[in-house]
Amino acid sequence: MGVIVGGYRLPVANHKKTHKPRKPQHHLPKVGTPENDAYRLKRSREDVLDFGLMHPGNGLLTKILGGLAVIFVVGMIVAFIFLT
């Protein structure tokens, strides 16, 4: 990172200030305020709804894993029927 002057790259002392952060910074409300209570309630609901989910998409890996799971379940049912 640096400034290019005349074809040469010069170092910049405050390069950390010029970098874009990897993740956007989210403002958190102060503790004990109604905004904090609303934020915590919203986050806890999101956590309950997202528990154990990996947000499946339309990718090939998701379809392969789904197919393998179906084959496994059908195989277990067939094995259970033949063993009893």
N, C-alpha and C. Protein backbone atom coordinates (compact mmCIF):
# COMPACT_ATOMS: atom_id res chain seq x y z
N MET A 1 0.84 -1.17 0.00
CA MET A 1 0.00 0.00 0.00
C MET A 1 0.88 1.23 0.00
N GLY A 2 0.56 2.15 -0.80
CA GLY A 2 1.32 3.37 -0.82
C GLY A 2 0.87 4.27 -1.94
N VAL A 3 1.50 5.41 -2.01
CA VAL A 3 1.19 6.39 -3.03
C VAL A 3 2.20 6.22 -4.15
N ILE A 4 1.73 6.20 -5.39
CA ILE A 4 2.63 6.05 -6.53
C ILE A 4 2.95 7.44 -7.07
N VAL A 5 4.23 7.79 -7.03
CA VAL A 5 4.69 9.09 -7.52
C VAL A 5 5.82 8.84 -8.50
N GLY A 6 5.61 9.25 -9.75
CA GLY A 6 6.66 9.09 -10.75
C GLY A 6 7.05 7.65 -10.99
N GLY A 7 6.13 6.73 -10.86
CA GLY A 7 6.40 5.32 -11.08
C GLY A 7 6.95 4.60 -9.87
N TYR A 8 7.20 5.31 -8.78
CA TYR A 8 7.71 4.69 -7.55
C TYR A 8 6.61 4.67 -6.51
N ARG A 9 6.57 3.58 -5.75
CA ARG A 9 5.60 3.46 -4.68
C ARG A 9 6.22 3.97 -3.38
N LEU A 10 5.61 5.00 -2.84
CA LEU A 10 6.11 5.57 -1.59
C LEU A 10 5.28 5.05 -0.43
N PRO A 11 5.92 4.70 0.69
CA PRO A 11 5.15 4.21 1.83
C PRO A 11 4.29 5.32 2.43
N VAL A 12 3.17 4.91 2.97
CA VAL A 12 2.25 5.84 3.62
C VAL A 12 2.22 5.50 5.10
N ALA A 13 2.44 6.50 5.94
CA ALA A 13 2.54 6.26 7.38
C ALA A 13 1.22 5.84 8.00
N ASN A 14 0.12 6.39 7.52
CA ASN A 14 -1.17 6.09 8.13
C ASN A 14 -1.98 5.12 7.27
N HIS A 15 -1.34 4.05 6.83
CA HIS A 15 -2.03 3.11 5.94
C HIS A 15 -3.18 2.40 6.62
N LYS A 16 -3.15 2.24 7.93
CA LYS A 16 -4.26 1.58 8.62
C LYS A 16 -5.52 2.41 8.55
N LYS A 17 -5.37 3.73 8.53
CA LYS A 17 -6.53 4.60 8.45
C LYS A 17 -7.13 4.60 7.05
N THR A 18 -6.30 4.30 6.05
CA THR A 18 -6.79 4.33 4.68
C THR A 18 -7.41 3.02 4.24
N HIS A 19 -7.17 1.95 4.98
CA HIS A 19 -7.75 0.65 4.63
C HIS A 19 -9.25 0.64 4.92
N LYS A 20 -9.98 -0.05 4.05
CA LYS A 20 -11.38 -0.27 4.32
C LYS A 20 -11.48 -1.44 5.28
N PRO A 21 -12.28 -1.36 6.33
CA PRO A 21 -12.37 -2.47 7.28
C PRO A 21 -12.95 -3.72 6.62
N ARG A 22 -12.50 -4.89 7.10
CA ARG A 22 -12.99 -6.15 6.53
C ARG A 22 -14.47 -6.34 6.79
N LYS A 23 -14.91 -5.97 7.95
CA LYS A 23 -16.33 -6.10 8.28
C LYS A 23 -16.86 -4.72 8.64
N PRO A 24 -18.09 -4.43 8.25
CA PRO A 24 -18.63 -3.13 8.65
C PRO A 24 -18.83 -3.07 10.16
N GLN A 25 -18.58 -1.92 10.73
CA GLN A 25 -18.74 -1.74 12.16
C GLN A 25 -20.20 -1.42 12.47
N HIS A 26 -20.77 -2.17 13.39
CA HIS A 26 -22.16 -1.95 13.78
C HIS A 26 -22.18 -1.24 15.13
N HIS A 27 -22.94 -0.17 15.18
CA HIS A 27 -23.07 0.55 16.44
C HIS A 27 -23.93 -0.27 17.39
N LEU A 28 -23.45 -0.45 18.59
CA LEU A 28 -24.22 -1.15 19.61
C LEU A 28 -24.79 -0.13 20.58
N PRO A 29 -26.06 -0.30 20.96
CA PRO A 29 -26.67 0.67 21.88
C PRO A 29 -26.09 0.52 23.29
N LYS A 30 -26.24 1.57 24.06
CA LYS A 30 -25.75 1.56 25.44
C LYS A 30 -26.55 0.56 26.27
N VAL A 31 -25.87 -0.02 27.25
CA VAL A 31 -26.48 -1.03 28.10
C VAL A 31 -27.56 -0.39 28.97
N GLY A 32 -28.70 -1.08 29.08
CA GLY A 32 -29.77 -0.61 29.94
C GLY A 32 -30.77 0.29 29.27
N THR A 33 -30.60 0.57 27.98
CA THR A 33 -31.53 1.43 27.27
C THR A 33 -32.59 0.59 26.57
N PRO A 34 -33.71 1.17 26.23
CA PRO A 34 -34.72 0.41 25.48
C PRO A 34 -34.20 -0.07 24.12
N GLU A 35 -33.29 0.71 23.52
CA GLU A 35 -32.71 0.27 22.25
C GLU A 35 -31.89 -1.00 22.43
N ASN A 36 -31.19 -1.09 23.57
CA ASN A 36 -30.40 -2.29 23.85
C ASN A 36 -31.33 -3.49 24.06
N ASP A 37 -32.42 -3.28 24.78
CA ASP A 37 -33.37 -4.38 24.98
C ASP A 37 -33.94 -4.86 23.66
N ALA A 38 -34.29 -3.92 22.78
CA ALA A 38 -34.84 -4.30 21.47
C ALA A 38 -33.79 -5.03 20.64
N TYR A 39 -32.54 -4.56 20.70
CA TYR A 39 -31.45 -5.19 19.96
C TYR A 39 -31.23 -6.62 20.46
N ARG A 40 -31.17 -6.80 21.79
CA ARG A 40 -30.95 -8.13 22.35
C ARG A 40 -32.10 -9.08 22.02
N LEU A 41 -33.34 -8.57 22.05
CA LEU A 41 -34.49 -9.39 21.70
C LEU A 41 -34.43 -9.83 20.25
N LYS A 42 -34.07 -8.89 19.36
CA LYS A 42 -33.97 -9.22 17.94
C LYS A 42 -32.87 -10.25 17.70
N ARG A 43 -31.69 -10.05 18.32
CA ARG A 43 -30.59 -10.99 18.13
C ARG A 43 -30.92 -12.36 18.71
N SER A 44 -31.60 -12.41 19.84
CA SER A 44 -31.93 -13.72 20.42
C SER A 44 -32.94 -14.45 19.56
N ARG A 45 -33.88 -13.72 18.95
CA ARG A 45 -34.82 -14.36 18.03
C ARG A 45 -34.10 -14.88 16.80
N GLU A 46 -33.14 -14.11 16.29
CA GLU A 46 -32.38 -14.58 15.13
C GLU A 46 -31.58 -15.82 15.49
N ASP A 47 -30.99 -15.85 16.69
CA ASP A 47 -30.22 -17.01 17.12
C ASP A 47 -31.09 -18.24 17.25
N VAL A 48 -32.31 -18.09 17.76
CA VAL A 48 -33.20 -19.23 17.90
C VAL A 48 -33.62 -19.75 16.53
N LEU A 49 -33.91 -18.84 15.61
CA LEU A 49 -34.34 -19.27 14.28
C LEU A 49 -33.21 -19.88 13.47
N ASP A 50 -31.98 -19.40 13.68
CA ASP A 50 -30.84 -19.89 12.90
C ASP A 50 -30.10 -21.03 13.59
N PHE A 51 -30.62 -21.55 14.68
CA PHE A 51 -29.91 -22.58 15.44
C PHE A 51 -29.70 -23.82 14.59
N GLY A 52 -28.45 -24.17 14.36
CA GLY A 52 -28.13 -25.39 13.64
C GLY A 52 -28.27 -25.31 12.14
N LEU A 53 -28.65 -24.19 11.60
CA LEU A 53 -28.80 -24.09 10.16
C LEU A 53 -27.54 -23.52 9.54
N MET A 54 -27.20 -24.02 8.35
CA MET A 54 -26.03 -23.49 7.67
C MET A 54 -26.43 -22.67 6.47
N HIS A 55 -27.66 -22.20 6.42
CA HIS A 55 -28.19 -21.38 5.32
C HIS A 55 -27.92 -22.03 3.98
N PRO A 56 -28.58 -23.15 3.69
CA PRO A 56 -28.30 -23.84 2.43
C PRO A 56 -28.67 -22.98 1.24
N GLY A 57 -27.88 -23.10 0.21
CA GLY A 57 -28.12 -22.34 -1.01
C GLY A 57 -28.51 -23.27 -2.14
N ASN A 58 -28.29 -22.83 -3.35
CA ASN A 58 -28.61 -23.63 -4.52
C ASN A 58 -27.37 -24.31 -5.07
N GLY A 59 -26.35 -24.46 -4.27
CA GLY A 59 -25.08 -25.00 -4.72
C GLY A 59 -25.12 -26.51 -4.92
N LEU A 60 -24.13 -26.97 -5.64
CA LEU A 60 -24.02 -28.40 -5.93
C LEU A 60 -23.75 -29.20 -4.66
N LEU A 61 -22.96 -28.66 -3.76
CA LEU A 61 -22.64 -29.36 -2.52
C LEU A 61 -23.89 -29.62 -1.69
N THR A 62 -24.79 -28.66 -1.64
CA THR A 62 -26.03 -28.83 -0.88
C THR A 62 -26.88 -29.94 -1.47
N LYS A 63 -26.96 -30.00 -2.80
CA LYS A 63 -27.75 -31.05 -3.45
C LYS A 63 -27.13 -32.42 -3.24
N ILE A 64 -25.80 -32.51 -3.28
CA ILE A 64 -25.13 -33.79 -3.05
C ILE A 64 -25.36 -34.26 -1.62
N LEU A 65 -25.19 -33.36 -0.65
CA LEU A 65 -25.40 -33.74 0.75
C LEU A 65 -26.86 -34.12 1.01
N GLY A 66 -27.79 -33.41 0.38
CA GLY A 66 -29.21 -33.77 0.53
C GLY A 66 -29.51 -35.14 -0.05
N GLY A 67 -28.95 -35.43 -1.21
CA GLY A 67 -29.14 -36.75 -1.83
C GLY A 67 -28.56 -37.87 -0.98
N LEU A 68 -27.36 -37.64 -0.44
CA LEU A 68 -26.76 -38.65 0.43
C LEU A 68 -27.58 -38.87 1.69
N ALA A 69 -28.15 -37.79 2.24
CA ALA A 69 -28.97 -37.93 3.43
C ALA A 69 -30.23 -38.74 3.13
N VAL A 70 -30.85 -38.50 1.98
CA VAL A 70 -32.05 -39.26 1.60
C VAL A 70 -31.71 -40.73 1.40
N ILE A 71 -30.61 -41.00 0.71
CA ILE A 71 -30.19 -42.40 0.50
C ILE A 71 -29.91 -43.08 1.83
N PHE A 72 -29.26 -42.38 2.75
CA PHE A 72 -28.95 -42.95 4.06
C PHE A 72 -30.22 -43.28 4.83
N VAL A 73 -31.19 -42.37 4.83
CA VAL A 73 -32.43 -42.59 5.57
C VAL A 73 -33.21 -43.76 4.96
N VAL A 74 -33.29 -43.80 3.63
CA VAL A 74 -33.99 -44.91 2.98
C VAL A 74 -33.28 -46.23 3.29
N GLY A 75 -31.96 -46.23 3.26
CA GLY A 75 -31.22 -47.44 3.60
C GLY A 75 -31.45 -47.89 5.02
N MET A 76 -31.52 -46.96 5.94
CA MET A 76 -31.78 -47.32 7.34
C MET A 76 -33.18 -47.90 7.49
N ILE A 77 -34.16 -47.36 6.81
CA ILE A 77 -35.53 -47.88 6.89
C ILE A 77 -35.60 -49.29 6.32
N VAL A 78 -34.95 -49.50 5.16
CA VAL A 78 -34.95 -50.83 4.54
C VAL A 78 -34.23 -51.82 5.44
N ALA A 79 -33.09 -51.44 6.01
CA ALA A 79 -32.37 -52.34 6.91
C ALA A 79 -33.21 -52.67 8.16
N PHE A 80 -33.92 -51.68 8.68
CA PHE A 80 -34.76 -51.90 9.85
C PHE A 80 -35.88 -52.89 9.52
N ILE A 81 -36.47 -52.75 8.32
CA ILE A 81 -37.57 -53.66 7.93
C ILE A 81 -37.05 -55.08 7.76
N PHE A 82 -35.88 -55.25 7.14
CA PHE A 82 -35.36 -56.60 6.92
C PHE A 82 -34.84 -57.24 8.19
N LEU A 83 -34.41 -56.45 9.16
CA LEU A 83 -33.87 -57.02 10.39
C LEU A 83 -34.97 -57.35 11.41
N THR A 84 -36.17 -56.85 11.18
CA THR A 84 -37.23 -57.16 12.15
C THR A 84 -38.18 -58.18 11.61
